[in-house]
C-alpha cells in the first residue's frame, strides 16, 4: 500500500490515479495507524507532530518515505537524512519523477553529498 499525504489536492489525485494500490491520506494519525503501508509519499505539512517526531514514528513502522521538498536548503533535509529517508525529490518535479522514485529507490551514493 502506498499512502499519499501531501498538501496539494491536485497532486494527491493525480498520484492516486497513476499509482496502483495507493490511497490518499489526510491525517497524520491515519498514517501511523496504517498496518499495510510500505511507502509514504509526503511533503512537509503542518500537523500536530513536528516533522522529526512524525518521521521517526513512520520510520519505526518500516515505511519507506518519498519526501517532496521545495529545495535543498530546507532545515528538515538533515533530519530526513538522519532518519534514513533517502528518497527525496526537490521541486520542480513531475508525476513521472515521483512514480519513478516509487519504483526505483535512491542509492546512498546519490544523497551522500548532503551529509557534508
C-alpha atoms as a PDB file:
ATOM      1  CA  UNK A   1       0.000   0.000   0.000  1.00  0.00           C
ATOM      2  CA  UNK A   2       1.280   3.437  -0.940  1.00  0.00           C
ATOM      3  CA  UNK A   3      -0.015   6.321   1.143  1.00  0.00           C
ATOM      4  CA  UNK A   4      -0.193   9.785  -0.415  1.00  0.00           C
ATOM      5  CA  UNK A   5      -0.025  12.582   2.159  1.00  0.00           C
ATOM      6  CA  UNK A   6       0.777  15.890   0.508  1.00  0.00           C
ATOM      7  CA  UNK A   7      -0.561  19.394   0.931  1.00  0.00           C
ATOM      8  CA  UNK A   8      -1.535  19.579  -2.745  1.00  0.00           C
ATOM      9  CA  UNK A   9      -5.007  18.221  -3.539  1.00  0.00           C
ATOM     10  CA  UNK A  10      -4.394  18.018  -7.288  1.00  0.00           C
ATOM     11  CA  UNK A  11      -1.097  16.195  -6.823  1.00  0.00           C
ATOM     12  CA  UNK A  12      -2.806  13.778  -4.440  1.00  0.00           C
ATOM     13  CA  UNK A  13      -5.500  12.992  -7.005  1.00  0.00           C
ATOM     14  CA  UNK A  14      -3.052  12.680  -9.899  1.00  0.00           C
ATOM     15  CA  UNK A  15      -0.770  10.330  -7.950  1.00  0.00           C
ATOM     16  CA  UNK A  16      -3.694   8.263  -6.716  1.00  0.00           C
ATOM     17  CA  UNK A  17      -4.923   7.837 -10.302  1.00  0.00           C
ATOM     18  CA  UNK A  18      -1.484   6.823 -11.597  1.00  0.00           C
ATOM     19  CA  UNK A  19      -0.195   4.581  -8.789  1.00  0.00           C
ATOM     20  CA  UNK A  20      -1.762   1.192  -8.196  1.00  0.00           C
ATOM     21  CA  UNK A  21      -2.581   0.212  -4.639  1.00  0.00           C
ATOM     22  CA  UNK A  22      -2.454   3.779  -3.345  1.00  0.00           C
ATOM     23  CA  UNK A  23      -4.624   5.785  -1.007  1.00  0.00           C
ATOM     24  CA  UNK A  24      -4.837   9.499  -0.208  1.00  0.00           C
ATOM     25  CA  UNK A  25      -4.417  10.251   3.481  1.00  0.00           C
ATOM     26  CA  UNK A  26      -5.497  13.462   5.191  1.00  0.00           C
ATOM     27  CA  UNK A  27      -4.428  12.920   8.806  1.00  0.00           C
ATOM     28  CA  UNK A  28      -1.031  12.007  10.277  1.00  0.00           C
ATOM     29  CA  UNK A  29      -2.612   9.651  12.813  1.00  0.00           C
ATOM     30  CA  UNK A  30      -4.026   7.580   9.962  1.00  0.00           C
ATOM     31  CA  UNK A  31      -0.517   7.123   8.587  1.00  0.00           C
ATOM     32  CA  UNK A  32       0.698   5.982  11.995  1.00  0.00           C
ATOM     33  CA  UNK A  33      -2.176   3.515  12.403  1.00  0.00           C
ATOM     34  CA  UNK A  34      -1.891   2.002   8.923  1.00  0.00           C
ATOM     35  CA  UNK A  35      -0.845  -1.653   9.071  1.00  0.00           C
ATOM     36  CA  UNK A  36      -0.240  -2.433   5.381  1.00  0.00           C
ATOM     37  CA  UNK A  37       1.604   0.644   4.112  1.00  0.00           C
ATOM     38  CA  UNK A  38       5.099   0.222   2.758  1.00  0.00           C
ATOM     39  CA  UNK A  39       5.604   3.634   1.110  1.00  0.00           C
ATOM     40  CA  UNK A  40       4.572   7.133   2.151  1.00  0.00           C
ATOM     41  CA  UNK A  41       4.728   9.977  -0.373  1.00  0.00           C
ATOM     42  CA  UNK A  42       4.660  13.226   1.568  1.00  0.00           C
ATOM     43  CA  UNK A  43       5.500  16.902   1.744  1.00  0.00           C
ATOM     44  CA  UNK A  44       6.342  18.995   4.784  1.00  0.00           C
ATOM     45  CA  UNK A  45       2.944  19.625   6.302  1.00  0.00           C
ATOM     46  CA  UNK A  46       1.889  21.334   9.448  1.00  0.00           C
ATOM     47  CA  UNK A  47       0.220  18.832  11.728  1.00  0.00           C
ATOM     48  CA  UNK A  48       0.083  18.028  15.410  1.00  0.00           C
ATOM     49  CA  UNK A  49       3.534  16.379  15.229  1.00  0.00           C
ATOM     50  CA  UNK A  50       6.745  18.141  14.400  1.00  0.00           C
ATOM     51  CA  UNK A  51       8.491  16.832  11.304  1.00  0.00           C
ATOM     52  CA  UNK A  52      11.223  14.811  13.035  1.00  0.00           C
ATOM     53  CA  UNK A  53       8.833  13.258  15.546  1.00  0.00           C
ATOM     54  CA  UNK A  54       6.363  12.254  12.846  1.00  0.00           C
ATOM     55  CA  UNK A  55       9.011  10.851  10.508  1.00  0.00           C
ATOM     56  CA  UNK A  56      10.619   8.885  13.337  1.00  0.00           C
ATOM     57  CA  UNK A  57       7.264   7.256  14.069  1.00  0.00           C
ATOM     58  CA  UNK A  58       6.773   6.494  10.370  1.00  0.00           C
ATOM     59  CA  UNK A  59      10.263   5.019  10.001  1.00  0.00           C
ATOM     60  CA  UNK A  60       9.777   2.897  13.151  1.00  0.00           C
ATOM     61  CA  UNK A  61       6.976   1.192  11.222  1.00  0.00           C
ATOM     62  CA  UNK A  62       9.477   0.381   8.430  1.00  0.00           C
ATOM     63  CA  UNK A  63       7.607   2.576   5.982  1.00  0.00           C
ATOM     64  CA  UNK A  64       9.760   3.887   3.156  1.00  0.00           C
ATOM     65  CA  UNK A  65       9.299   7.646   2.727  1.00  0.00           C
ATOM     66  CA  UNK A  66       9.430   9.583  -0.516  1.00  0.00           C
ATOM     67  CA  UNK A  67       9.790  13.170   0.584  1.00  0.00           C
ATOM     68  CA  UNK A  68       8.886  16.053  -1.706  1.00  0.00           C
ATOM     69  CA  UNK A  69      10.806  19.186  -0.744  1.00  0.00           C
ATOM     70  CA  UNK A  70      10.876  22.750  -2.013  1.00  0.00           C
ATOM     71  CA  UNK A  71      14.675  22.869  -2.267  1.00  0.00           C
ATOM     72  CA  UNK A  72      17.951  21.620  -0.786  1.00  0.00           C
ATOM     73  CA  UNK A  73      18.033  24.379   1.813  1.00  0.00           C
ATOM     74  CA  UNK A  74      15.056  23.353   3.960  1.00  0.00           C
ATOM     75  CA  UNK A  75      16.189  22.624   7.511  1.00  0.00           C
ATOM     76  CA  UNK A  76      14.268  19.335   7.600  1.00  0.00           C
ATOM     77  CA  UNK A  77      16.562  17.796   4.966  1.00  0.00           C
ATOM     78  CA  UNK A  78      19.215  16.936   7.556  1.00  0.00           C
ATOM     79  CA  UNK A  79      16.616  15.375   9.883  1.00  0.00           C
ATOM     80  CA  UNK A  80      15.229  13.326   6.990  1.00  0.00           C
ATOM     81  CA  UNK A  81      18.658  12.012   6.056  1.00  0.00           C
ATOM     82  CA  UNK A  82      19.439  11.141   9.677  1.00  0.00           C
ATOM     83  CA  UNK A  83      16.229   9.086   9.772  1.00  0.00           C
ATOM     84  CA  UNK A  84      17.260   7.115   6.679  1.00  0.00           C
ATOM     85  CA  UNK A  85      14.983   8.959   4.276  1.00  0.00           C
ATOM     86  CA  UNK A  86      16.970   8.985   1.059  1.00  0.00           C
ATOM     87  CA  UNK A  87      14.144   9.171  -1.472  1.00  0.00           C
ATOM     88  CA  UNK A  88      13.955  12.934  -1.710  1.00  0.00           C
ATOM     89  CA  UNK A  89      12.658  14.843  -4.706  1.00  0.00           C
ATOM     90  CA  UNK A  90      13.200  18.589  -4.995  1.00  0.00           C
ATOM     91  CA  UNK A  91      10.812  20.980  -6.692  1.00  0.00           C
ATOM     92  CA  UNK A  92      10.273  21.319  -9.578  1.00  0.00           C
ATOM     93  CA  UNK A  93       9.232  17.715 -10.081  1.00  0.00           C
ATOM     94  CA  UNK A  94       6.766  15.842 -12.253  1.00  0.00           C
ATOM     95  CA  UNK A  95       4.386  12.972 -11.638  1.00  0.00           C
ATOM     96  CA  UNK A  96       6.795  10.806 -13.595  1.00  0.00           C
ATOM     97  CA  UNK A  97       9.634  11.736 -11.213  1.00  0.00           C
ATOM     98  CA  UNK A  98       7.577  10.571  -8.240  1.00  0.00           C
ATOM     99  CA  UNK A  99       6.391   7.382  -9.922  1.00  0.00           C
ATOM    100  CA  UNK A 100       9.961   6.604 -10.973  1.00  0.00           C
ATOM    101  CA  UNK A 101      11.101   7.031  -7.365  1.00  0.00           C
ATOM    102  CA  UNK A 102       8.379   4.626  -6.175  1.00  0.00           C
ATOM    103  CA  UNK A 103       9.816   2.003  -8.497  1.00  0.00           C
ATOM    104  CA  UNK A 104      13.500   2.809  -8.014  1.00  0.00           C
ATOM    105  CA  UNK A 105      14.783   3.800  -4.545  1.00  0.00           C
ATOM    106  CA  UNK A 106      17.636   6.282  -4.277  1.00  0.00           C
ATOM    107  CA  UNK A 107      21.052   4.742  -3.568  1.00  0.00           C
ATOM    108  CA  UNK A 108      23.022   6.264  -0.709  1.00  0.00           C
ATOM    109  CA  UNK A 109      25.724   7.416  -3.087  1.00  0.00           C
ATOM    110  CA  UNK A 110      23.236   9.828  -4.672  1.00  0.00           C
ATOM    111  CA  UNK A 111      22.476  11.632  -1.418  1.00  0.00           C
ATOM    112  CA  UNK A 112      25.854  11.380   0.332  1.00  0.00           C
ATOM    113  CA  UNK A 113      26.690  14.942  -0.738  1.00  0.00           C
ATOM    114  CA  UNK A 114      24.005  16.276   1.635  1.00  0.00           C
ATOM    115  CA  UNK A 115      25.851  14.870   4.645  1.00  0.00           C
ATOM    116  CA  UNK A 116      28.834  17.127   4.014  1.00  0.00           C
END
